[in-house]
Amino acid sequence: MLTQFSQLDLSGRFTYQDYWEWIFDERVELINGKVYPLFSKAVASLLI
Protein backbone atom coordinates (compact mmCIF):
# COMPACT_ATOMS: atom_id res chain seq x y z
CA MET A 1 0.00 0.00 0.00
CA LEU A 2 1.37 3.39 -0.98
CA THR A 3 0.97 6.20 1.50
CA GLN A 4 3.23 8.85 -0.08
CA PHE A 5 3.46 10.13 -3.63
CA SER A 6 7.25 9.81 -3.46
CA GLN A 7 6.86 6.01 -3.18
CA LEU A 8 5.51 5.78 -6.73
CA ASP A 9 7.82 4.63 -9.51
CA LEU A 10 6.78 7.21 -12.09
CA SER A 11 8.42 5.22 -14.89
CA GLY A 12 5.98 2.36 -14.25
CA ARG A 13 2.46 1.81 -15.56
CA PHE A 14 -0.52 1.61 -13.23
CA THR A 15 -4.11 0.42 -13.37
CA TYR A 16 -7.30 1.99 -12.12
CA GLN A 17 -7.27 -0.56 -9.30
CA ASP A 18 -3.79 0.64 -8.27
CA TYR A 19 -5.11 4.20 -8.27
CA TRP A 20 -7.87 3.35 -5.79
CA GLU A 21 -5.42 1.66 -3.42
CA TRP A 22 -3.20 4.72 -3.04
CA ILE A 23 -3.66 6.60 0.22
CA PHE A 24 -1.82 9.90 0.07
CA ASP A 25 -2.75 13.57 0.20
CA GLU A 26 -1.34 14.66 -3.15
CA ARG A 27 -3.79 14.79 -6.05
CA VAL A 28 -2.82 12.80 -9.11
CA GLU A 29 -4.31 11.88 -12.44
CA LEU A 30 -3.98 8.49 -14.13
CA ILE A 31 -3.89 8.66 -17.95
CA ASN A 32 -3.15 5.56 -20.02
CA GLY A 33 -1.37 3.93 -17.09
CA LYS A 34 0.88 6.92 -16.36
CA VAL A 35 0.64 9.04 -13.21
CA TYR A 36 0.63 12.83 -13.41
CA PRO A 37 0.55 15.12 -10.36
CA LEU A 38 -2.25 17.68 -10.31
CA PHE A 39 -1.23 21.17 -9.30
CA SER A 40 -3.52 23.75 -7.82
CA LYS A 41 -4.38 26.71 -10.04
CA ALA A 42 -2.17 28.93 -7.87
CA VAL A 43 0.88 26.74 -8.47
CA ALA A 44 0.04 26.23 -12.15
CA SER A 45 -0.10 29.99 -12.73
CA LEU A 46 3.42 30.31 -11.30
CA LEU A 47 4.71 27.84 -13.88
CA ILE A 48 3.51 29.92 -16.85
PDB file of N, CA and C in Angstrom:
ATOM      1  N   MET A   1       0.856  -1.185   0.000  1.00  0.00           N
ATOM      2  CA  MET A   1       0.000   0.000   0.000  1.00  0.00           C
ATOM      3  C   MET A   1       0.894   1.237   0.000  1.00  0.00           C
ATOM      4  N   LEU A   2       0.600   2.154  -0.889  1.00  0.00           N
ATOM      5  CA  LEU A   2       1.372   3.388  -0.976  1.00  0.00           C
ATOM      6  C   LEU A   2       0.707   4.479  -0.148  1.00  0.00           C
ATOM      7  N   THR A   3       1.510   5.138   0.658  1.00  0.00           N
ATOM      8  CA  THR A   3       0.972   6.201   1.499  1.00  0.00           C
ATOM      9  C   THR A   3       1.587   7.559   1.195  1.00  0.00           C
ATOM     10  N   GLN A   4       2.607   7.596   0.306  1.00  0.00           N
ATOM     11  CA  GLN A   4       3.231   8.852  -0.077  1.00  0.00           C
ATOM     12  C   GLN A   4       3.473   8.860  -1.583  1.00  0.00           C
ATOM     13  N   PHE A   5       3.260   9.996  -2.190  1.00  0.00           N
ATOM     14  CA  PHE A   5       3.459  10.133  -3.630  1.00  0.00           C
ATOM     15  C   PHE A   5       4.890   9.761  -4.020  1.00  0.00           C
ATOM     16  N   SER A   6       5.841  10.082  -3.166  1.00  0.00           N
ATOM     17  CA  SER A   6       7.250   9.814  -3.461  1.00  0.00           C
ATOM     18  C   SER A   6       7.554   8.317  -3.563  1.00  0.00           C
ATOM     19  N   GLN A   7       6.667   7.453  -3.096  1.00  0.00           N
ATOM     20  CA  GLN A   7       6.861   6.014  -3.177  1.00  0.00           C
ATOM     21  C   GLN A   7       6.544   5.462  -4.566  1.00  0.00           C
ATOM     22  N   LEU A   8       5.871   6.244  -5.393  1.00  0.00           N
ATOM     23  CA  LEU A   8       5.508   5.779  -6.734  1.00  0.00           C
ATOM     24  C   LEU A   8       6.726   5.736  -7.646  1.00  0.00           C
ATOM     25  N   ASP A   9       6.818   4.705  -8.453  1.00  0.00           N
ATOM     26  CA  ASP A   9       7.819   4.627  -9.507  1.00  0.00           C
ATOM     27  C   ASP A   9       7.166   5.233 -10.750  1.00  0.00           C
ATOM     28  N   LEU A  10       7.460   6.488 -11.023  1.00  0.00           N
ATOM     29  CA  LEU A  10       6.777   7.213 -12.091  1.00  0.00           C
ATOM     30  C   LEU A  10       7.110   6.675 -13.476  1.00  0.00           C
ATOM     31  N   SER A  11       8.111   5.818 -13.595  1.00  0.00           N
ATOM     32  CA  SER A  11       8.416   5.221 -14.894  1.00  0.00           C
ATOM     33  C   SER A  11       7.551   3.990 -15.153  1.00  0.00           C
ATOM     34  N   GLY A  12       6.830   3.536 -14.115  1.00  0.00           N
ATOM     35  CA  GLY A  12       5.977   2.364 -14.254  1.00  0.00           C
ATOM     36  C   GLY A  12       4.617   2.690 -14.838  1.00  0.00           C
ATOM     37  N   ARG A  13       3.838   1.655 -15.080  1.00  0.00           N
ATOM     38  CA  ARG A  13       2.463   1.814 -15.565  1.00  0.00           C
ATOM     39  C   ARG A  13       1.532   1.275 -14.485  1.00  0.00           C
ATOM     40  N   PHE A  14       0.397   1.940 -14.309  1.00  0.00           N
ATOM     41  CA  PHE A  14      -0.524   1.608 -13.234  1.00  0.00           C
ATOM     42  C   PHE A  14      -1.928   1.379 -13.776  1.00  0.00           C
ATOM     43  N   THR A  15      -2.731   0.683 -13.003  1.00  0.00           N
ATOM     44  CA  THR A  15      -4.115   0.424 -13.370  1.00  0.00           C
ATOM     45  C   THR A  15      -5.035   1.277 -12.509  1.00  0.00           C
ATOM     46  N   TYR A  16      -6.298   1.279 -12.897  1.00  0.00           N
ATOM     47  CA  TYR A  16      -7.299   1.994 -12.117  1.00  0.00           C
ATOM     48  C   TYR A  16      -7.418   1.392 -10.718  1.00  0.00           C
ATOM     49  N   GLN A  17      -7.238   0.092 -10.613  1.00  0.00           N
ATOM     50  CA  GLN A  17      -7.265  -0.561  -9.300  1.00  0.00           C
ATOM     51  C   GLN A  17      -6.112  -0.062  -8.434  1.00  0.00           C
ATOM     52  N   ASP A  18      -4.929   0.079  -9.012  1.00  0.00           N
ATOM     53  CA  ASP A  18      -3.794   0.644  -8.272  1.00  0.00           C
ATOM     54  C   ASP A  18      -4.156   2.025  -7.742  1.00  0.00           C
ATOM     55  N   TYR A  19      -4.737   2.830  -8.606  1.00  0.00           N
ATOM     56  CA  TYR A  19      -5.108   4.204  -8.266  1.00  0.00           C
ATOM     57  C   TYR A  19      -5.994   4.248  -7.019  1.00  0.00           C
ATOM     58  N   TRP A  20      -6.953   3.354  -6.927  1.00  0.00           N
ATOM     59  CA  TRP A  20      -7.874   3.351  -5.787  1.00  0.00           C
ATOM     60  C   TRP A  20      -7.232   2.845  -4.508  1.00  0.00           C
ATOM     61  N   GLU A  21      -6.103   2.176  -4.607  1.00  0.00           N
ATOM     62  CA  GLU A  21      -5.422   1.660  -3.417  1.00  0.00           C
ATOM     63  C   GLU A  21      -4.449   2.668  -2.817  1.00  0.00           C
ATOM     64  N   TRP A  22      -4.140   3.732  -3.541  1.00  0.00           N
ATOM     65  CA  TRP A  22      -3.203   4.723  -3.036  1.00  0.00           C
ATOM     66  C   TRP A  22      -3.871   5.579  -1.973  1.00  0.00           C
ATOM     67  N   ILE A  23      -3.139   5.794  -0.878  1.00  0.00           N
ATOM     68  CA  ILE A  23      -3.663   6.603   0.222  1.00  0.00           C
ATOM     69  C   ILE A  23      -2.635   7.692   0.535  1.00  0.00           C
ATOM     70  N   PHE A  24      -2.680   8.767  -0.232  1.00  0.00           N
ATOM     71  CA  PHE A  24      -1.825   9.903   0.065  1.00  0.00           C
ATOM     72  C   PHE A  24      -2.557  11.188  -0.256  1.00  0.00           C
ATOM     73  N   ASP A  25      -2.049  12.290   0.286  1.00  0.00           N
ATOM     74  CA  ASP A  25      -2.753  13.569   0.204  1.00  0.00           C
ATOM     75  C   ASP A  25      -2.629  14.255  -1.155  1.00  0.00           C
ATOM     76  N   GLU A  26      -1.539  14.007  -1.866  1.00  0.00           N
ATOM     77  CA  GLU A  26      -1.343  14.658  -3.150  1.00  0.00           C
ATOM     78  C   GLU A  26      -2.402  14.201  -4.151  1.00  0.00           C
ATOM     79  N   ARG A  27      -2.818  15.121  -5.009  1.00  0.00           N
ATOM     80  CA  ARG A  27      -3.794  14.795  -6.047  1.00  0.00           C
ATOM     81  C   ARG A  27      -3.035  14.380  -7.301  1.00  0.00           C
ATOM     82  N   VAL A  28      -3.461  13.286  -7.890  1.00  0.00           N
ATOM     83  CA  VAL A  28      -2.824  12.799  -9.109  1.00  0.00           C
ATOM     84  C   VAL A  28      -3.885  12.408 -10.126  1.00  0.00           C
ATOM     85  N   GLU A  29      -3.441  12.292 -11.358  1.00  0.00           N
ATOM     86  CA  GLU A  29      -4.314  11.878 -12.442  1.00  0.00           C
ATOM     87  C   GLU A  29      -3.660  10.666 -13.106  1.00  0.00           C
ATOM     88  N   LEU A  30      -4.470   9.700 -13.475  1.00  0.00           N
ATOM     89  CA  LEU A  30      -3.983   8.488 -14.129  1.00  0.00           C
ATOM     90  C   LEU A  30      -4.475   8.505 -15.574  1.00  0.00           C
ATOM     91  N   ILE A  31      -3.538   8.605 -16.528  1.00  0.00           N
ATOM     92  CA  ILE A  31      -3.890   8.664 -17.946  1.00  0.00           C
ATOM     93  C   ILE A  31      -3.090   7.592 -18.679  1.00  0.00           C
ATOM     94  N   ASN A  32      -3.796   6.647 -19.275  1.00  0.00           N
ATOM     95  CA  ASN A  32      -3.154   5.560 -20.024  1.00  0.00           C
ATOM     96  C   ASN A  32      -2.059   4.862 -19.224  1.00  0.00           C
ATOM     97  N   GLY A  33      -2.310   4.662 -17.929  1.00  0.00           N
ATOM     98  CA  GLY A  33      -1.372   3.933 -17.085  1.00  0.00           C
ATOM     99  C   GLY A  33      -0.255   4.772 -16.496  1.00  0.00           C
ATOM    100  N   LYS A  34      -0.164   6.038 -16.876  1.00  0.00           N
ATOM    101  CA  LYS A  34       0.880   6.920 -16.361  1.00  0.00           C
ATOM    102  C   LYS A  34       0.291   7.859 -15.316  1.00  0.00           C
ATOM    103  N   VAL A  35       1.083   8.181 -14.303  1.00  0.00           N
ATOM    104  CA  VAL A  35       0.638   9.040 -13.209  1.00  0.00           C
ATOM    105  C   VAL A  35       1.164  10.453 -13.423  1.00  0.00           C
ATOM    106  N   TYR A  36       0.268  11.420 -13.284  1.00  0.00           N
ATOM    107  CA  TYR A  36       0.628  12.826 -13.414  1.00  0.00           C
ATOM    108  C   TYR A  36       0.132  13.562 -12.175  1.00  0.00           C
ATOM    109  N   PRO A  37       1.004  14.340 -11.524  1.00  0.00           N
ATOM    110  CA  PRO A  37       0.546  15.118 -10.361  1.00  0.00           C
ATOM    111  C   PRO A  37      -0.363  16.250 -10.819  1.00  0.00           C
ATOM    112  N   LEU A  38      -1.358  16.555 -10.027  1.00  0.00           N
ATOM    113  CA  LEU A  38      -2.255  17.680 -10.305  1.00  0.00           C
ATOM    114  C   LEU A  38      -1.841  18.845  -9.421  1.00  0.00           C
ATOM    115  N   PHE A  39      -1.606  19.976 -10.034  1.00  0.00           N
ATOM    116  CA  PHE A  39      -1.229  21.168  -9.295  1.00  0.00           C
ATOM    117  C   PHE A  39      -2.455  22.029  -9.081  1.00  0.00           C
ATOM    118  N   SER A  40      -2.436  22.796  -8.021  1.00  0.00           N
ATOM    119  CA  SER A  40      -3.522  23.748  -7.817  1.00  0.00           C
ATOM    120  C   SER A  40      -3.384  24.864  -8.847  1.00  0.00           C
ATOM    121  N   LYS A  41      -4.429  25.618  -9.067  1.00  0.00           N
ATOM    122  CA  LYS A  41      -4.380  26.711 -10.044  1.00  0.00           C
ATOM    123  C   LYS A  41      -3.338  27.739  -9.634  1.00  0.00           C
ATOM    124  N   ALA A  42      -3.149  27.954  -8.335  1.00  0.00           N
ATOM    125  CA  ALA A  42      -2.165  28.933  -7.866  1.00  0.00           C
ATOM    126  C   ALA A  42      -0.764  28.492  -8.277  1.00  0.00           C
ATOM    127  N   VAL A  43      -0.445  27.244  -8.108  1.00  0.00           N
ATOM    128  CA  VAL A  43       0.879  26.740  -8.472  1.00  0.00           C
ATOM    129  C   VAL A  43       1.021  26.713  -9.989  1.00  0.00           C
ATOM    130  N   ALA A  44      -0.010  26.289 -10.691  1.00  0.00           N
ATOM    131  CA  ALA A  44       0.038  26.226 -12.145  1.00  0.00           C
ATOM    132  C   ALA A  44       0.287  27.608 -12.747  1.00  0.00           C
ATOM    133  N   SER A  45      -0.295  28.650 -12.175  1.00  0.00           N
ATOM    134  CA  SER A  45      -0.103  29.992 -12.727  1.00  0.00           C
ATOM    135  C   SER A  45       1.328  30.464 -12.515  1.00  0.00           C
ATOM    136  N   LEU A  46       2.021  29.954 -11.510  1.00  0.00           N
ATOM    137  CA  LEU A  46       3.419  30.314 -11.301  1.00  0.00           C
ATOM    138  C   LEU A  46       4.334  29.675 -12.324  1.00  0.00           C
ATOM    139  N   LEU A  47       3.886  28.569 -12.913  1.00  0.00           N
ATOM    140  CA  LEU A  47       4.706  27.838 -13.877  1.00  0.00           C
ATOM    141  C   LEU A  47       4.639  28.431 -15.282  1.00  0.00           C
ATOM    142  N   ILE A  48       3.701  29.330 -15.497  1.00  0.00           N
ATOM    143  CA  ILE A  48       3.514  29.915 -16.849  1.00  0.00           C
ATOM    144  C   ILE A  48       4.505  31.044 -17.062  1.00  0.00           C
TER     145      ILE A  48
END
